[in-house]
Protein backbone atom coordinates (compact mmCIF):
# COMPACT_ATOMS: atom_id res chain seq x y z
CA MET A 1 -0.04 -0.05 -0.01
CA SER A 2 2.98 2.38 0.60
CA TRP A 3 3.95 2.16 -2.97
CA ILE A 4 0.44 3.11 -4.04
CA TYR A 5 0.64 6.12 -1.70
CA LEU A 6 3.99 7.14 -3.14
CA GLY A 7 2.48 6.91 -6.70
CA ALA A 8 -0.44 8.95 -5.72
CA ALA A 9 1.85 11.52 -4.10
CA ILE A 10 3.82 11.91 -7.25
CA LEU A 11 0.88 12.30 -9.40
CA LEU A 12 -0.65 14.94 -7.00
CA GLU A 13 2.65 16.80 -6.87
CA VAL A 14 2.85 16.91 -10.67
CA ALA A 15 -0.80 18.11 -10.82
CA GLY A 16 0.19 20.90 -8.31
CA ILE A 17 3.16 22.13 -10.40
CA THR A 18 1.08 21.91 -13.62
CA SER A 19 -1.63 23.96 -11.92
CA MET A 20 0.95 26.52 -10.89
CA LYS A 21 1.88 26.94 -14.49
CA LEU A 22 -1.83 27.02 -15.61
CA SER A 23 -2.55 29.66 -12.93
CA ARG A 24 -0.57 32.32 -14.88
CA GLY A 25 0.95 33.70 -11.68
CA PHE A 26 -2.27 33.00 -9.67
CA SER A 27 -4.41 35.14 -12.11
CA GLU A 28 -6.59 32.19 -13.05
CA PRO A 29 -8.88 31.18 -10.19
CA LEU A 30 -9.42 27.52 -10.71
CA PRO A 31 -5.69 26.42 -11.15
CA SER A 32 -4.78 28.79 -8.34
CA ILE A 33 -7.16 27.07 -5.96
CA ALA A 34 -6.08 23.71 -7.16
CA VAL A 35 -2.29 24.27 -6.29
CA PRO A 36 -2.50 24.16 -2.60
CA VAL A 37 -5.14 21.35 -2.72
CA PHE A 38 -2.90 19.12 -4.80
CA TYR A 39 0.23 19.92 -2.67
CA VAL A 40 -1.68 19.15 0.65
CA PHE A 41 -2.96 15.83 -0.65
CA SER A 42 0.49 15.04 -2.12
CA ALA A 43 2.07 15.58 1.31
CA LEU A 44 -0.49 13.55 3.04
CA ALA A 45 0.16 10.62 0.58
CA VAL A 46 3.85 10.88 0.93
CA ILE A 47 3.57 10.89 4.75
CA LEU A 48 1.51 7.66 4.56
CA ALA A 49 4.16 6.13 2.29
CA LEU A 50 6.87 6.89 4.78
CA LYS A 51 5.22 4.91 7.38
CA LYS A 52 6.75 1.75 5.65
CA LEU A 53 9.33 3.11 3.13
CA ASP A 54 12.87 4.57 3.88
CA LEU A 55 13.09 8.43 3.64
CA SER A 56 15.87 8.42 1.14
CA THR A 57 14.13 5.97 -1.27
CA THR A 58 10.79 7.65 -0.91
CA TYR A 59 12.11 11.22 -1.47
CA ALA A 60 14.32 10.33 -4.29
CA ILE A 61 11.43 8.48 -6.10
CA TRP A 62 8.98 11.37 -5.20
CA SER A 63 11.18 14.24 -6.27
CA GLY A 64 12.97 12.39 -9.21
CA VAL A 65 9.97 10.86 -10.93
CA GLY A 66 7.93 14.09 -10.22
CA THR A 67 10.85 16.08 -11.99
CA ALA A 68 10.82 13.78 -14.91
CA LEU A 69 7.08 13.82 -15.39
CA ALA A 70 7.04 17.64 -14.95
CA ALA A 71 9.75 17.97 -17.71
CA MET A 72 7.71 15.62 -20.11
CA ILE A 73 4.57 17.65 -19.50
CA GLY A 74 6.41 20.88 -20.12
CA VAL A 75 7.60 19.64 -23.51
CA ALA A 76 4.46 17.85 -24.53
CA TYR A 77 1.78 20.23 -23.16
CA PHE A 78 3.42 23.59 -22.81
CA ARG A 79 5.69 23.18 -25.85
CA GLU A 80 8.81 23.87 -24.05
CA PRO A 81 12.01 23.09 -26.06
CA LEU A 82 13.29 19.51 -25.82
CA THR A 83 17.04 20.01 -25.85
CA MET A 84 19.92 17.48 -25.46
CA LEU A 85 20.69 19.12 -22.18
CA LYS A 86 17.23 18.54 -20.93
CA ILE A 87 17.21 14.97 -22.19
CA VAL A 88 20.65 14.29 -20.43
CA SER A 89 19.60 16.05 -17.24
CA VAL A 90 16.34 13.99 -16.86
CA ALA A 91 18.38 10.89 -17.65
CA LEU A 92 20.78 11.83 -14.68
CA VAL A 93 17.74 12.45 -12.44
CA ILE A 94 16.43 9.00 -13.25
CA ILE A 95 19.92 7.45 -12.71
CA GLY A 96 20.12 9.17 -9.40
CA VAL A 97 16.67 7.88 -8.32
CA ILE A 98 17.76 4.28 -9.25
CA GLY A 99 20.95 4.61 -7.31
CA LEU A 100 19.21 5.93 -4.22
CA SER A 101 16.60 3.20 -4.54
CA LEU A 102 19.01 0.27 -4.69
CA PRO A 103 19.24 -1.66 -1.48
CA THR A 104 22.38 -1.13 0.60
CA PRO A 105 24.40 -4.51 0.75
CA GLY A 106 24.01 -6.20 4.18
CA ARG A 107 21.04 -4.02 5.22
CA GLU A 108 17.35 -4.78 5.13
CA GLN A 109 14.92 -1.97 4.32
CA SER A 110 13.96 -0.35 7.66
CA SER A 111 10.49 0.43 8.86
CA MET A 112 10.91 4.00 10.33
CA GLY A 113 14.52 3.60 11.24
CA GLN A 114 14.01 0.87 13.79
CA ASP A 115 17.03 -1.01 12.82
CA HIS A 116 19.50 1.16 14.91
């Protein structure tokens, strides 16, 4: 269930940043109202995910996948330029997420740091 919460947190965070863009500097009412709503629910979902998942793994996936999705939405929906630098940068973010998500040899995934 923690992974479902994390996936929901990512989608809600991306919806929040997309709403920020759509708000046009908070001059559009509906997207402006949506921004804090999406971010509050994203935070709640990530808090629930953290009940079972490690902080480093959770935050790496939440921020990294969110960054990659936001970049893709920027290119696909807002017609932002797709440059080689942007492609390499997103690839490095994804590589970083994978690296932080790999288990540490000789250590089991903790539940709220109780393995100290």
